[in-house]
Amino acid sequence: MKVVIAIDSFKGSMTSVEAGNAAKAGIERACPADIVVKPLADGGEGTTEALVEGLGGEYVSLEVTGPMGAKTRARYGILRDKRTAVLEMAEASGMILVKREELDPARATTYGVGEMILDAIKRGCREFIIGIGGSATSEGGAGMLQALGYEIADADGNPVRPGIRDLDRIATINAGHVPEELKECHFRIACDVKNPLCGENGAVYVFGSQKGVQEEEKQCFDEKMKHFADKTQEFTGRDCRTAEGAGAAGGLGFGFLSYLPHAELKSGIDIVLDAIQLEREVKDADMVITGEGRLDFQTAMGKAPVGVARLAKKYGVKVLAFAGGVTKDAGKCNAAGIDAFFPIVRGATTLDEAMVPENAKENMALSAEQVFRAISLYM
């Protein structure tokens, strides 16, 4: 029997690979099986860790410009092939780096994201997987582009200041200092947001409030974004402002689509499943195991375990899921392709006790063992 395991991380207790290996240990105690463990993430937080640790790679740490201009340490991964970099924009420009009371969308910049990309290019990377969730910014990716060498200037030839505040002062854009290597790079951007750049469904109106944009500022800031889009169209000859995902991460999606020739925005889980080459293993599997820390109705709406299940069903493979907790509405996961699911917590316990890494791994292994002992009765 061939079993393929791809379990999302149990945040605070097990990484994706740790959860997968714990399930593998339990299955091996129950019955003979050919078991393949793959890392899993949805393109958001934890994607770098999952791919670096699951596929083999190394971490790179560097000092970059944080969202409010102060220097901060950011980490990204380079995979075993030495050509693929895995980044999360939140490492350089995320809300996690800013105290709520210090959020300032007028100044918040993606400059640090560009610094991370540039560092990876200098190290030989030409393939990029980038998660863009959790941004503190609303400036259309202008800061990232400046870091990559694009000169975005006002009528006096001065570089526009960081953030959205000066986007309406842009007079000229040129690529005089953009490295030639950027043309060789392919960017896969993990993006599950469909919003355009501007308007009532755009970056400022929909996502601005959580980044500190006041209600009375929205129209003004949206006009600034439109001006940037206009100047971008003049420079590139293309208009990407209405593209699905252009408004993601404060318009960072727009920056990628407009200025980087080989950039594509795709579902985060689809990018990860492609990167880990899960389909190659699933097509001849007898059973697929997935899961995450909590299974609920949101899981069924397209989170990582359902992405795995969807791929497995393409080949008619049965899917089981394990979770730290299961809600009453988790039954919707069955309709989404997960044939059966099981909570791993055994007996009464506190959440803190259940999340102790060693307890979580033991619970995963014991649960997987008992489920596969039951399966082996019918083999």
Protein backbone atom coordinates (compact mmCIF):
# COMPACT_ATOMS: atom_id res chain seq x y z
CA MET A 1 0.00 0.00 0.00
CA LYS A 2 1.32 3.43 -0.95
CA VAL A 3 0.41 6.29 1.39
CA VAL A 4 1.18 9.92 0.60
CA ILE A 5 1.17 12.34 3.53
CA ALA A 6 0.87 16.12 3.14
CA ILE A 7 -0.28 17.82 6.35
CA ASP A 8 -0.29 21.57 6.98
CA SER A 9 1.51 22.84 10.07
CA PHE A 10 -0.19 22.78 13.45
CA LYS A 11 0.79 26.32 14.35
CA GLY A 12 2.51 26.49 17.70
CA SER A 13 3.07 22.75 17.99
CA MET A 14 4.21 20.96 14.80
CA THR A 15 5.68 22.03 11.51
CA SER A 16 4.26 20.45 8.38
CA VAL A 17 7.11 17.95 8.13
CA GLU A 18 6.96 17.11 11.84
CA ALA A 19 3.24 16.39 11.59
CA GLY A 20 3.81 14.26 8.49
CA ASN A 21 6.61 12.26 10.07
CA ALA A 22 4.55 11.67 13.22
CA ALA A 23 1.69 10.28 11.12
CA LYS A 24 4.19 8.13 9.22
CA ALA A 25 5.54 6.67 12.46
CA GLY A 26 2.05 5.68 13.55
CA ILE A 27 1.16 4.09 10.21
CA GLU A 28 4.38 2.07 10.21
CA ARG A 29 3.43 0.57 13.57
CA ALA A 30 0.06 -0.49 12.17
CA CYS A 31 0.83 -2.04 8.82
CA PRO A 32 3.46 -2.32 6.07
CA ALA A 33 3.30 0.60 3.67
CA ASP A 34 5.32 2.63 1.21
CA ILE A 35 5.01 6.10 2.76
CA VAL A 36 5.91 9.44 1.17
CA VAL A 37 5.91 12.59 3.33
CA LYS A 38 5.60 15.97 1.62
CA PRO A 39 5.58 19.46 3.16
CA LEU A 40 2.39 21.50 2.87
CA ALA A 41 1.44 25.17 3.15
CA ASP A 42 -1.10 27.47 1.53
CA GLY A 43 1.24 30.21 0.33
CA GLY A 44 0.83 32.28 3.50
CA GLU A 45 2.62 32.24 6.81
CA GLY A 46 4.81 29.16 7.17
CA THR A 47 5.32 28.55 3.45
CA THR A 48 9.04 29.35 3.55
CA GLU A 49 9.58 27.05 6.50
CA ALA A 50 7.57 24.21 4.96
CA LEU A 51 9.34 24.29 1.60
CA VAL A 52 12.85 24.82 2.94
CA GLU A 53 12.58 22.06 5.52
CA GLY A 54 10.49 19.72 3.39
CA LEU A 55 12.35 20.02 0.09
CA GLY A 56 15.82 20.68 1.40
CA GLY A 57 17.30 24.14 1.36
CA GLU A 58 18.84 26.84 3.47
CA TYR A 59 17.75 30.03 5.14
CA VAL A 60 19.19 33.44 4.34
CA SER A 61 18.94 36.25 6.86
CA LEU A 62 19.61 39.88 5.96
CA GLU A 63 18.93 43.40 7.12
CA VAL A 64 16.24 45.18 5.11
CA THR A 65 14.08 48.27 5.29
CA GLY A 66 10.99 47.59 7.37
CA PRO A 67 7.51 48.89 6.55
CA MET A 68 8.00 52.14 8.49
CA GLY A 69 11.56 52.74 7.34
CA ALA A 70 13.51 51.31 10.28
CA LYS A 71 15.90 48.46 9.60
CA THR A 72 14.74 44.94 10.43
CA ARG A 73 15.97 41.38 9.98
CA ALA A 74 14.22 39.33 7.33
CA ARG A 75 14.58 35.68 6.43
CA TYR A 76 13.91 33.83 3.21
CA GLY A 77 14.79 30.41 1.82
CA ILE A 78 16.80 29.10 -1.10
CA LEU A 79 15.87 25.57 -2.14
CA ARG A 80 18.24 22.75 -2.94
CA ASP A 81 18.44 23.64 -6.63
CA LYS A 82 20.11 26.95 -5.67
CA ARG A 83 17.87 28.72 -8.20
CA THR A 84 14.57 28.92 -6.32
CA ALA A 85 13.96 31.48 -3.58
CA VAL A 86 10.94 31.31 -1.27
CA LEU A 87 9.91 34.61 0.30
CA GLU A 88 7.11 35.93 2.44
CA MET A 89 6.62 39.67 1.99
CA ALA A 90 5.48 39.95 5.60
CA GLU A 91 9.08 39.32 6.65
CA ALA A 92 9.98 42.78 5.35
CA SER A 93 6.70 44.70 5.04
CA GLY A 94 4.19 42.89 7.21
CA MET A 95 1.77 44.14 9.83
CA ILE A 96 3.48 41.82 12.30
CA LEU A 97 6.41 44.26 12.28
CA VAL A 98 4.36 47.30 13.30
CA LYS A 99 2.50 48.12 16.49
CA ARG A 100 -1.15 48.82 15.79
CA GLU A 101 -0.87 52.43 16.99
CA GLU A 102 2.15 53.01 14.73
CA LEU A 103 0.54 51.95 11.46
CA ASP A 104 0.88 54.72 8.89
CA PRO A 105 -0.27 53.83 5.37
CA ALA A 106 0.95 57.16 4.05
CA ARG A 107 4.55 56.08 4.75
CA ALA A 108 4.41 52.27 4.79
CA THR A 109 6.69 50.81 2.11
CA THR A 110 7.49 47.55 0.37
CA TYR A 111 11.12 48.60 -0.17
CA GLY A 112 12.36 45.72 1.97
CA VAL A 113 10.63 43.19 -0.27
CA GLY A 114 12.64 44.48 -3.21
CA GLU A 115 15.82 44.23 -1.14
CA MET A 116 15.07 40.57 -0.41
CA ILE A 117 14.48 39.84 -4.10
CA LEU A 118 17.65 41.66 -5.11
CA ASP A 119 19.68 39.70 -2.55
CA ALA A 120 18.34 36.41 -3.91
CA ILE A 121 19.12 37.46 -7.50
CA LYS A 122 22.72 38.22 -6.50
CA ARG A 123 22.93 34.72 -5.00
CA GLY A 124 21.93 33.19 -8.34
CA CYS A 125 18.17 32.68 -7.87
CA ARG A 126 15.97 33.06 -10.94
CA GLU A 127 12.81 31.29 -9.74
CA PHE A 128 10.75 32.93 -7.01
CA ILE A 129 7.83 31.75 -4.90
CA ILE A 130 6.48 34.71 -2.96
CA GLY A 131 3.64 34.88 -0.45
CA ILE A 132 2.17 38.36 -0.21
CA GLY A 133 -0.28 38.08 2.68
CA GLY A 134 -0.26 40.23 5.80
CA SER A 135 1.10 43.46 4.37
CA ALA A 136 1.16 46.76 6.24
CA THR A 137 1.38 48.69 2.97
CA SER A 138 -0.91 50.38 0.46
CA GLU A 139 1.47 51.77 -2.17
CA GLY A 140 1.10 49.51 -5.19
CA GLY A 141 4.54 47.97 -4.79
CA ALA A 142 6.30 51.27 -5.55
CA GLY A 143 8.85 50.74 -2.78
CA MET A 144 9.73 47.26 -4.00
CA LEU A 145 10.24 48.62 -7.50
CA GLN A 146 12.52 51.39 -6.27
CA ALA A 147 14.64 48.83 -4.42
CA LEU A 148 14.91 46.85 -7.66
CA GLY A 149 16.28 49.87 -9.48
CA TYR A 150 13.22 51.55 -10.98
CA GLU A 151 13.50 55.32 -10.72
CA ILE A 152 10.13 56.78 -9.73
CA ALA A 153 10.48 60.54 -9.57
CA ASP A 154 8.52 63.77 -9.24
CA ALA A 155 8.56 66.71 -11.66
CA ASP A 156 11.85 67.95 -10.18
CA GLY A 157 13.52 64.59 -10.71
CA ASN A 158 13.52 63.71 -7.02
CA PRO A 159 12.62 60.16 -5.96
CA VAL A 160 9.12 60.01 -4.50
CA ARG A 161 9.04 59.34 -0.78
CA PRO A 162 8.11 55.92 0.64
CA GLY A 163 4.45 55.04 0.96
CA ILE A 164 1.30 56.12 -0.80
CA ARG A 165 1.59 59.82 0.07
CA ASP A 166 3.59 60.84 -3.04
CA LEU A 167 2.13 58.52 -5.67
CA ASP A 168 0.13 61.40 -7.14
CA ARG A 169 3.36 63.40 -7.59
CA ILE A 170 4.95 60.83 -9.90
CA ALA A 171 6.03 62.47 -13.13
CA THR A 172 8.53 60.01 -14.58
CA ILE A 173 9.43 56.33 -14.30
CA ASN A 174 12.48 54.69 -15.81
CA ALA A 175 14.40 51.45 -15.49
CA GLY A 176 17.91 52.84 -15.71
CA HIS A 177 19.25 50.95 -12.70
CA VAL A 178 17.27 47.73 -12.94
CA PRO A 179 19.64 44.74 -13.09
CA GLU A 180 19.61 42.81 -16.37
CA GLU A 181 19.19 39.58 -14.41
CA LEU A 182 15.66 40.59 -13.46
CA LYS A 183 14.56 39.80 -17.01
CA GLU A 184 15.58 36.17 -16.44
CA CYS A 185 13.49 35.78 -13.29
CA HIS A 186 10.15 34.02 -13.02
CA PHE A 187 7.86 35.01 -10.15
CA ARG A 188 5.04 32.83 -8.84
CA ILE A 189 3.03 35.00 -6.48
CA ALA A 190 0.81 33.20 -3.98
CA CYS A 191 -2.38 35.25 -4.04
CA ASP A 192 -5.92 34.21 -3.21
CA VAL A 193 -7.32 37.75 -3.37
CA LYS A 194 -9.20 38.73 -6.55
CA ASN A 195 -9.57 42.47 -5.96
CA PRO A 196 -8.48 45.03 -8.56
CA LEU A 197 -6.10 47.85 -7.70
CA CYS A 198 -8.50 50.81 -7.57
CA GLY A 199 -12.11 51.69 -6.84
CA GLU A 200 -14.59 50.51 -4.24
CA ASN A 201 -13.34 46.92 -4.53
CA GLY A 202 -9.69 47.94 -4.66
CA ALA A 203 -6.74 47.88 -2.31
CA VAL A 204 -7.47 51.09 -0.40
CA TYR A 205 -11.23 50.78 0.04
CA VAL A 206 -11.31 47.08 0.94
CA PHE A 207 -8.08 46.53 2.85
CA GLY A 208 -6.98 50.02 3.85
CA SER A 209 -8.80 50.21 7.18
CA GLN A 210 -6.86 47.33 8.70
CA LYS A 211 -3.64 49.13 7.77
CA GLY A 212 -4.62 52.44 9.32
CA VAL A 213 -6.37 54.21 6.44
CA GLN A 214 -9.10 56.47 7.81
CA GLU A 215 -12.49 56.57 6.13
CA GLU A 216 -12.01 60.19 5.05
CA GLU A 217 -8.65 59.32 3.47
CA LYS A 218 -9.85 56.54 1.21
CA GLN A 219 -10.92 58.62 -1.78
CA CYS A 220 -7.71 60.67 -1.71
CA PHE A 221 -5.49 57.60 -1.39
CA ASP A 222 -7.39 55.79 -4.11
CA GLU A 223 -6.82 58.76 -6.44
CA LYS A 224 -3.11 58.58 -5.68
CA MET A 225 -3.15 54.89 -6.61
CA LYS A 226 -4.96 55.67 -9.87
CA HIS A 227 -2.27 58.21 -10.75
CA PHE A 228 0.41 55.59 -10.18
CA ALA A 229 -1.53 53.21 -12.42
CA ASP A 230 -1.77 55.89 -15.12
CA LYS A 231 1.96 56.59 -15.03
CA THR A 232 2.68 52.88 -14.99
CA GLN A 233 0.59 52.42 -18.13
CA GLU A 234 2.51 55.24 -19.82
CA PHE A 235 5.80 53.56 -18.92
CA THR A 236 4.97 49.90 -19.60
CA GLY A 237 2.29 50.22 -22.27
CA ARG A 238 0.11 47.82 -20.26
CA ASP A 239 -2.75 48.43 -17.85
CA CYS A 240 -2.95 45.82 -15.10
CA ARG A 241 -5.06 47.78 -12.62
CA THR A 242 -8.17 45.67 -13.19
CA ALA A 243 -6.39 42.30 -13.17
CA GLU A 244 -7.53 39.81 -10.55
CA GLY A 245 -5.25 40.16 -7.56
CA ALA A 246 -3.85 43.56 -8.54
CA GLY A 247 -5.17 44.94 -5.26
CA ALA A 248 -3.59 42.23 -3.12
CA ALA A 249 -1.13 43.29 -0.41
CA GLY A 250 -1.92 46.96 -0.84
CA GLY A 251 -1.44 46.77 -4.58
CA LEU A 252 1.79 44.77 -4.50
CA GLY A 253 0.11 42.36 -6.90
CA PHE A 254 -0.17 45.26 -9.35
CA GLY A 255 3.52 46.02 -8.98
CA PHE A 256 4.50 42.46 -9.84
CA LEU A 257 2.14 42.15 -12.80
CA SER A 258 3.01 45.53 -14.28
CA TYR A 259 6.79 45.65 -13.96
CA LEU A 260 8.14 42.12 -13.76
CA PRO A 261 7.87 40.44 -17.17
CA HIS A 262 7.55 36.88 -15.90
CA ALA A 263 5.21 37.25 -12.93
CA GLU A 264 1.98 35.34 -12.35
CA LEU A 265 -0.52 35.47 -9.53
CA LYS A 266 -1.92 32.06 -8.59
CA SER A 267 -3.69 30.35 -5.74
CA GLY A 268 -1.21 29.80 -2.93
CA ILE A 269 -2.05 26.13 -2.49
CA ASP A 270 -1.70 25.49 -6.24
CA ILE A 271 1.78 27.02 -6.23
CA VAL A 272 2.83 24.91 -3.25
CA LEU A 273 1.38 21.67 -4.66
CA ASP A 274 3.27 22.31 -7.87
CA ALA A 275 6.50 23.10 -6.01
CA ILE A 276 6.38 19.89 -3.95
CA GLN A 277 5.39 17.85 -7.04
CA LEU A 278 2.59 16.22 -5.09
CA GLU A 279 0.69 15.09 -8.18
CA ARG A 280 3.57 12.85 -9.24
CA GLU A 281 3.27 10.91 -5.96
CA VAL A 282 -0.51 10.96 -5.65
CA LYS A 283 -1.35 9.50 -9.05
CA ASP A 284 -0.44 5.94 -8.00
CA ALA A 285 -1.21 6.23 -4.28
CA ASP A 286 -3.70 4.06 -2.41
CA MET A 287 -4.34 6.61 0.33
CA VAL A 288 -3.63 10.30 0.90
CA ILE A 289 -3.32 11.79 4.38
CA THR A 290 -3.72 15.50 5.01
CA GLY A 291 -4.86 17.80 7.80
CA GLU A 292 -4.21 20.95 9.79
CA GLY A 293 -4.49 22.27 13.32
CA ARG A 294 -8.23 22.91 13.10
CA LEU A 295 -10.72 21.50 10.63
CA ASP A 296 -13.83 23.60 10.14
CA PHE A 297 -16.07 25.02 7.44
CA GLN A 298 -13.28 27.39 6.37
CA THR A 299 -11.11 24.40 5.54
CA ALA A 300 -13.75 23.33 3.04
CA MET A 301 -13.58 26.73 1.34
CA GLY A 302 -10.20 26.00 -0.19
CA LYS A 303 -7.54 25.79 2.48
CA ALA A 304 -4.50 23.55 2.06
CA PRO A 305 -6.05 20.17 3.05
CA VAL A 306 -8.86 20.63 0.52
CA GLY A 307 -6.29 21.50 -2.14
CA VAL A 308 -4.64 18.16 -1.43
CA ALA A 309 -7.99 16.38 -1.50
CA ARG A 310 -8.91 17.97 -4.82
CA LEU A 311 -5.71 16.68 -6.37
CA ALA A 312 -6.21 13.20 -4.91
CA LYS A 313 -9.75 12.99 -6.27
CA LYS A 314 -8.39 13.67 -9.74
CA TYR A 315 -7.00 10.14 -9.51
CA GLY A 316 -9.78 8.59 -7.44
CA VAL A 317 -7.63 8.28 -4.32
CA LYS A 318 -9.20 8.12 -0.85
CA VAL A 319 -8.36 10.99 1.50
CA LEU A 320 -8.15 10.99 5.29
CA ALA A 321 -7.44 14.04 7.43
CA PHE A 322 -6.14 14.50 10.97
CA ALA A 323 -6.60 17.68 12.98
CA GLY A 324 -5.88 19.01 16.43
CA GLY A 325 -9.49 20.13 16.71
CA VAL A 326 -12.64 19.50 14.71
CA THR A 327 -15.69 21.77 14.78
CA LYS A 328 -19.34 20.80 14.35
CA ASP A 329 -19.42 22.29 10.85
CA ALA A 330 -16.32 20.39 9.70
CA GLY A 331 -18.62 17.95 7.90
CA LYS A 332 -18.47 20.31 4.96
CA CYS A 333 -14.96 18.96 4.40
CA ASN A 334 -16.45 15.63 3.35
CA ALA A 335 -18.22 17.28 0.43
CA ALA A 336 -14.94 18.98 -0.45
CA GLY A 337 -13.13 15.68 -0.99
CA ILE A 338 -11.96 14.59 2.46
CA ASP A 339 -13.52 11.15 2.89
CA ALA A 340 -13.08 10.99 6.66
CA PHE A 341 -11.38 13.08 9.33
CA PHE A 342 -10.21 12.46 12.88
CA PRO A 343 -9.26 14.68 15.82
CA ILE A 344 -5.97 13.59 17.35
CA VAL A 345 -6.52 14.84 20.91
CA ARG A 346 -6.97 11.88 23.22
CA GLY A 347 -9.00 12.52 26.37
CA ALA A 348 -9.62 15.67 28.37
CA THR A 349 -6.76 18.15 28.16
CA THR A 350 -6.10 21.86 28.06
CA LEU A 351 -5.24 23.59 24.80
CA ASP A 352 -1.79 24.43 26.15
CA GLU A 353 -1.15 20.76 26.98
CA ALA A 354 -2.39 19.61 23.58
CA MET A 355 -0.08 22.07 21.82
CA VAL A 356 3.09 20.94 23.54
CA PRO A 357 5.11 19.68 20.54
CA GLU A 358 5.92 16.29 21.99
CA ASN A 359 2.28 15.73 23.01
CA ALA A 360 1.04 16.75 19.58
CA LYS A 361 3.47 14.42 17.79
CA GLU A 362 2.55 11.51 20.06
CA ASN A 363 -1.17 12.15 19.58
CA MET A 364 -0.73 12.29 15.81
CA ALA A 365 1.22 9.04 15.75
CA LEU A 366 -1.24 7.21 18.01
CA SER A 367 -4.26 8.39 16.03
CA ALA A 368 -2.73 7.45 12.69
CA GLU A 369 -1.75 4.05 14.08
CA GLN A 370 -5.26 3.19 15.24
CA VAL A 371 -6.91 4.38 12.01
CA PHE A 372 -4.56 2.26 9.93
CA ARG A 373 -4.98 -0.74 12.21
CA ALA A 374 -8.67 -0.51 11.34
CA ILE A 375 -7.87 -0.15 7.64
CA SER A 376 -5.53 -3.16 7.74
CA LEU A 377 -8.40 -5.36 8.93
CA TYR A 378 -9.95 -5.03 5.48
CA MET A 379 -6.78 -5.35 3.41
